[in-house]
Amino acid sequence: MKLGKVIGSVTATRKEGNLGGLKILVVSYLDENLADTKKTAACIDAMGAGEGDIVLLCSSSSARITQMTRNVASDNTIVGIVDAISSNNVYTYNKSKQQ
């Protein structure tokens, strides 16, 4: 799994049949310090994430094993919305304390 930040959305007037009705978000990958890596991906949103959310991503074949993405042409799926991240009992991210 990888961490990312939702930075936008994709609007497509036509999509392949299995993609119909699925929300696609643009996510910028984050490193272990939650810094932007300048790499982005279009991801199927299986969680109802929104712009600015820190999210967990699955890629490759793992992206296609959620209930929402079975048999869907997806290489990246948002599988979690992060509430907090800590290391050695120190929070490096806490959603409730973000502006």
C-alpha atoms as a PDB file:
ATOM      1  CA  MET A   1       0.000   0.000   0.000  1.00  0.00           C
ATOM      2  CA  LYS A   2       0.983   3.584  -0.576  1.00  0.00           C
ATOM      3  CA  LEU A   3      -0.037   6.931   0.888  1.00  0.00           C
ATOM      4  CA  GLY A   4      -1.354   9.759  -1.235  1.00  0.00           C
ATOM      5  CA  LYS A   5      -3.239  13.041  -1.109  1.00  0.00           C
ATOM      6  CA  VAL A   6      -6.314  13.653  -3.236  1.00  0.00           C
ATOM      7  CA  ILE A   7      -5.610  16.694  -5.412  1.00  0.00           C
ATOM      8  CA  GLY A   8      -8.416  16.563  -7.965  1.00  0.00           C
ATOM      9  CA  SER A   9     -10.960  14.540  -9.868  1.00  0.00           C
ATOM     10  CA  VAL A  10     -11.380  13.112 -13.346  1.00  0.00           C
ATOM     11  CA  THR A  11     -14.462  13.793 -15.435  1.00  0.00           C
ATOM     12  CA  ALA A  12     -15.000  11.416 -18.333  1.00  0.00           C
ATOM     13  CA  THR A  13     -18.091  11.622 -20.497  1.00  0.00           C
ATOM     14  CA  ARG A  14     -17.514   8.054 -21.694  1.00  0.00           C
ATOM     15  CA  LYS A  15     -15.937   5.157 -19.831  1.00  0.00           C
ATOM     16  CA  GLU A  16     -15.595   1.434 -20.468  1.00  0.00           C
ATOM     17  CA  GLY A  17     -18.651  -0.453 -19.180  1.00  0.00           C
ATOM     18  CA  ASN A  18     -17.186  -1.639 -15.875  1.00  0.00           C
ATOM     19  CA  LEU A  19     -15.949   1.862 -15.057  1.00  0.00           C
ATOM     20  CA  GLY A  20     -19.398   3.402 -15.446  1.00  0.00           C
ATOM     21  CA  GLY A  21     -20.599   5.012 -12.242  1.00  0.00           C
ATOM     22  CA  LEU A  22     -17.204   4.852 -10.511  1.00  0.00           C
ATOM     23  CA  LYS A  23     -15.610   8.064  -9.231  1.00  0.00           C
ATOM     24  CA  ILE A  24     -12.018   8.624 -10.337  1.00  0.00           C
ATOM     25  CA  LEU A  25      -9.750  10.916  -8.307  1.00  0.00           C
ATOM     26  CA  VAL A  26      -6.278  12.297  -8.990  1.00  0.00           C
ATOM     27  CA  VAL A  27      -3.896  11.405  -6.166  1.00  0.00           C
ATOM     28  CA  SER A  28      -0.386  12.711  -5.538  1.00  0.00           C
ATOM     29  CA  TYR A  29       1.866  10.093  -3.920  1.00  0.00           C
ATOM     30  CA  LEU A  30       3.430  10.972  -0.558  1.00  0.00           C
ATOM     31  CA  ASP A  31       6.710   9.749   0.915  1.00  0.00           C
ATOM     32  CA  GLU A  32       7.264   8.482   4.482  1.00  0.00           C
ATOM     33  CA  ASN A  33       7.387  12.102   5.730  1.00  0.00           C
ATOM     34  CA  LEU A  34       4.090  12.906   3.961  1.00  0.00           C
ATOM     35  CA  ALA A  35       5.966  15.103   1.472  1.00  0.00           C
ATOM     36  CA  ASP A  36       4.719  15.274  -2.112  1.00  0.00           C
ATOM     37  CA  THR A  37       6.748  13.034  -4.440  1.00  0.00           C
ATOM     38  CA  LYS A  38       5.552  14.879  -7.587  1.00  0.00           C
ATOM     39  CA  LYS A  39       4.119  11.587  -8.906  1.00  0.00           C
ATOM     40  CA  THR A  40       0.395  11.315  -9.529  1.00  0.00           C
ATOM     41  CA  ALA A  41      -2.129   8.658 -10.465  1.00  0.00           C
ATOM     42  CA  ALA A  42      -5.787   8.421 -11.390  1.00  0.00           C
ATOM     43  CA  CYS A  43      -7.448   6.164  -8.814  1.00  0.00           C
ATOM     44  CA  ILE A  44     -10.844   4.527  -8.478  1.00  0.00           C
ATOM     45  CA  ASP A  45     -12.399   5.832  -5.251  1.00  0.00           C
ATOM     46  CA  ALA A  46     -13.828   2.922  -3.258  1.00  0.00           C
ATOM     47  CA  MET A  47     -14.152   4.967  -0.041  1.00  0.00           C
ATOM     48  CA  GLY A  48     -15.836   8.295  -0.787  1.00  0.00           C
ATOM     49  CA  ALA A  49     -12.670  10.367  -0.421  1.00  0.00           C
ATOM     50  CA  GLY A  50     -12.559  14.060  -1.155  1.00  0.00           C
ATOM     51  CA  GLU A  51     -10.037  16.661  -2.204  1.00  0.00           C
ATOM     52  CA  GLY A  52      -7.347  17.152   0.443  1.00  0.00           C
ATOM     53  CA  ASP A  53      -7.854  13.745   2.081  1.00  0.00           C
ATOM     54  CA  ILE A  54      -4.814  11.596   2.840  1.00  0.00           C
ATOM     55  CA  VAL A  55      -5.626   8.141   1.494  1.00  0.00           C
ATOM     56  CA  LEU A  56      -4.321   4.571   1.337  1.00  0.00           C
ATOM     57  CA  LEU A  57      -3.846   3.200  -2.163  1.00  0.00           C
ATOM     58  CA  CYS A  58      -3.568  -0.293  -3.563  1.00  0.00           C
ATOM     59  CA  SER A  59      -2.082  -0.784  -6.987  1.00  0.00           C
ATOM     60  CA  SER A  60      -1.618  -3.494  -9.586  1.00  0.00           C
ATOM     61  CA  SER A  61      -3.713  -6.641  -9.133  1.00  0.00           C
ATOM     62  CA  SER A  62      -4.562  -5.679  -5.521  1.00  0.00           C
ATOM     63  CA  ALA A  63      -6.452  -2.668  -6.903  1.00  0.00           C
ATOM     64  CA  ARG A  64      -8.978  -5.033  -8.464  1.00  0.00           C
ATOM     65  CA  ILE A  65      -9.985  -7.101  -5.429  1.00  0.00           C
ATOM     66  CA  THR A  66     -12.262  -4.686  -3.573  1.00  0.00           C
ATOM     67  CA  GLN A  67     -16.008  -5.256  -3.797  1.00  0.00           C
ATOM     68  CA  MET A  68     -16.316  -2.161  -5.975  1.00  0.00           C
ATOM     69  CA  THR A  69     -13.443  -2.946  -8.359  1.00  0.00           C
ATOM     70  CA  ARG A  70     -13.842  -6.647  -9.088  1.00  0.00           C
ATOM     71  CA  ASN A  71     -13.481  -7.166 -12.829  1.00  0.00           C
ATOM     72  CA  VAL A  72     -12.783  -3.449 -13.360  1.00  0.00           C
ATOM     73  CA  ALA A  73      -9.879  -2.115 -15.399  1.00  0.00           C
ATOM     74  CA  SER A  74      -8.060  -0.409 -12.530  1.00  0.00           C
ATOM     75  CA  ASP A  75      -4.396  -0.171 -11.589  1.00  0.00           C
ATOM     76  CA  ASN A  76      -4.981   2.123  -8.585  1.00  0.00           C
ATOM     77  CA  THR A  77      -7.763   2.063  -5.998  1.00  0.00           C
ATOM     78  CA  ILE A  78      -8.314   4.176  -2.894  1.00  0.00           C
ATOM     79  CA  VAL A  79      -8.965   1.651  -0.118  1.00  0.00           C
ATOM     80  CA  GLY A  80      -8.844   3.868   2.979  1.00  0.00           C
ATOM     81  CA  ILE A  81      -9.118   7.430   4.230  1.00  0.00           C
ATOM     82  CA  VAL A  82      -6.406   8.136   6.810  1.00  0.00           C
ATOM     83  CA  ASP A  83      -7.447   9.595  10.182  1.00  0.00           C
ATOM     84  CA  ALA A  84      -4.020   9.597  11.846  1.00  0.00           C
ATOM     85  CA  ILE A  85      -0.435   8.428  11.400  1.00  0.00           C
ATOM     86  CA  SER A  86       1.970   7.954  14.305  1.00  0.00           C
ATOM     87  CA  SER A  87       5.457   6.647  14.887  1.00  0.00           C
ATOM     88  CA  ASN A  88       6.881   5.951  18.348  1.00  0.00           C
ATOM     89  CA  ASN A  89       3.718   7.426  19.909  1.00  0.00           C
ATOM     90  CA  VAL A  90       4.229  10.734  18.071  1.00  0.00           C
ATOM     91  CA  TYR A  91       1.571  11.791  15.574  1.00  0.00           C
ATOM     92  CA  THR A  92       2.958  12.858  12.223  1.00  0.00           C
ATOM     93  CA  TYR A  93      -0.556  13.389  10.856  1.00  0.00           C
ATOM     94  CA  ASN A  94      -3.932  13.834  12.517  1.00  0.00           C
ATOM     95  CA  LYS A  95      -6.875  14.652  10.263  1.00  0.00           C
ATOM     96  CA  SER A  96      -8.876  16.267  13.056  1.00  0.00           C
ATOM     97  CA  LYS A  97      -6.072  18.813  13.647  1.00  0.00           C
ATOM     98  CA  GLN A  98      -5.523  19.797  10.000  1.00  0.00           C
ATOM     99  CA  GLN A  99      -6.665  23.158   8.658  1.00  0.00           C
END
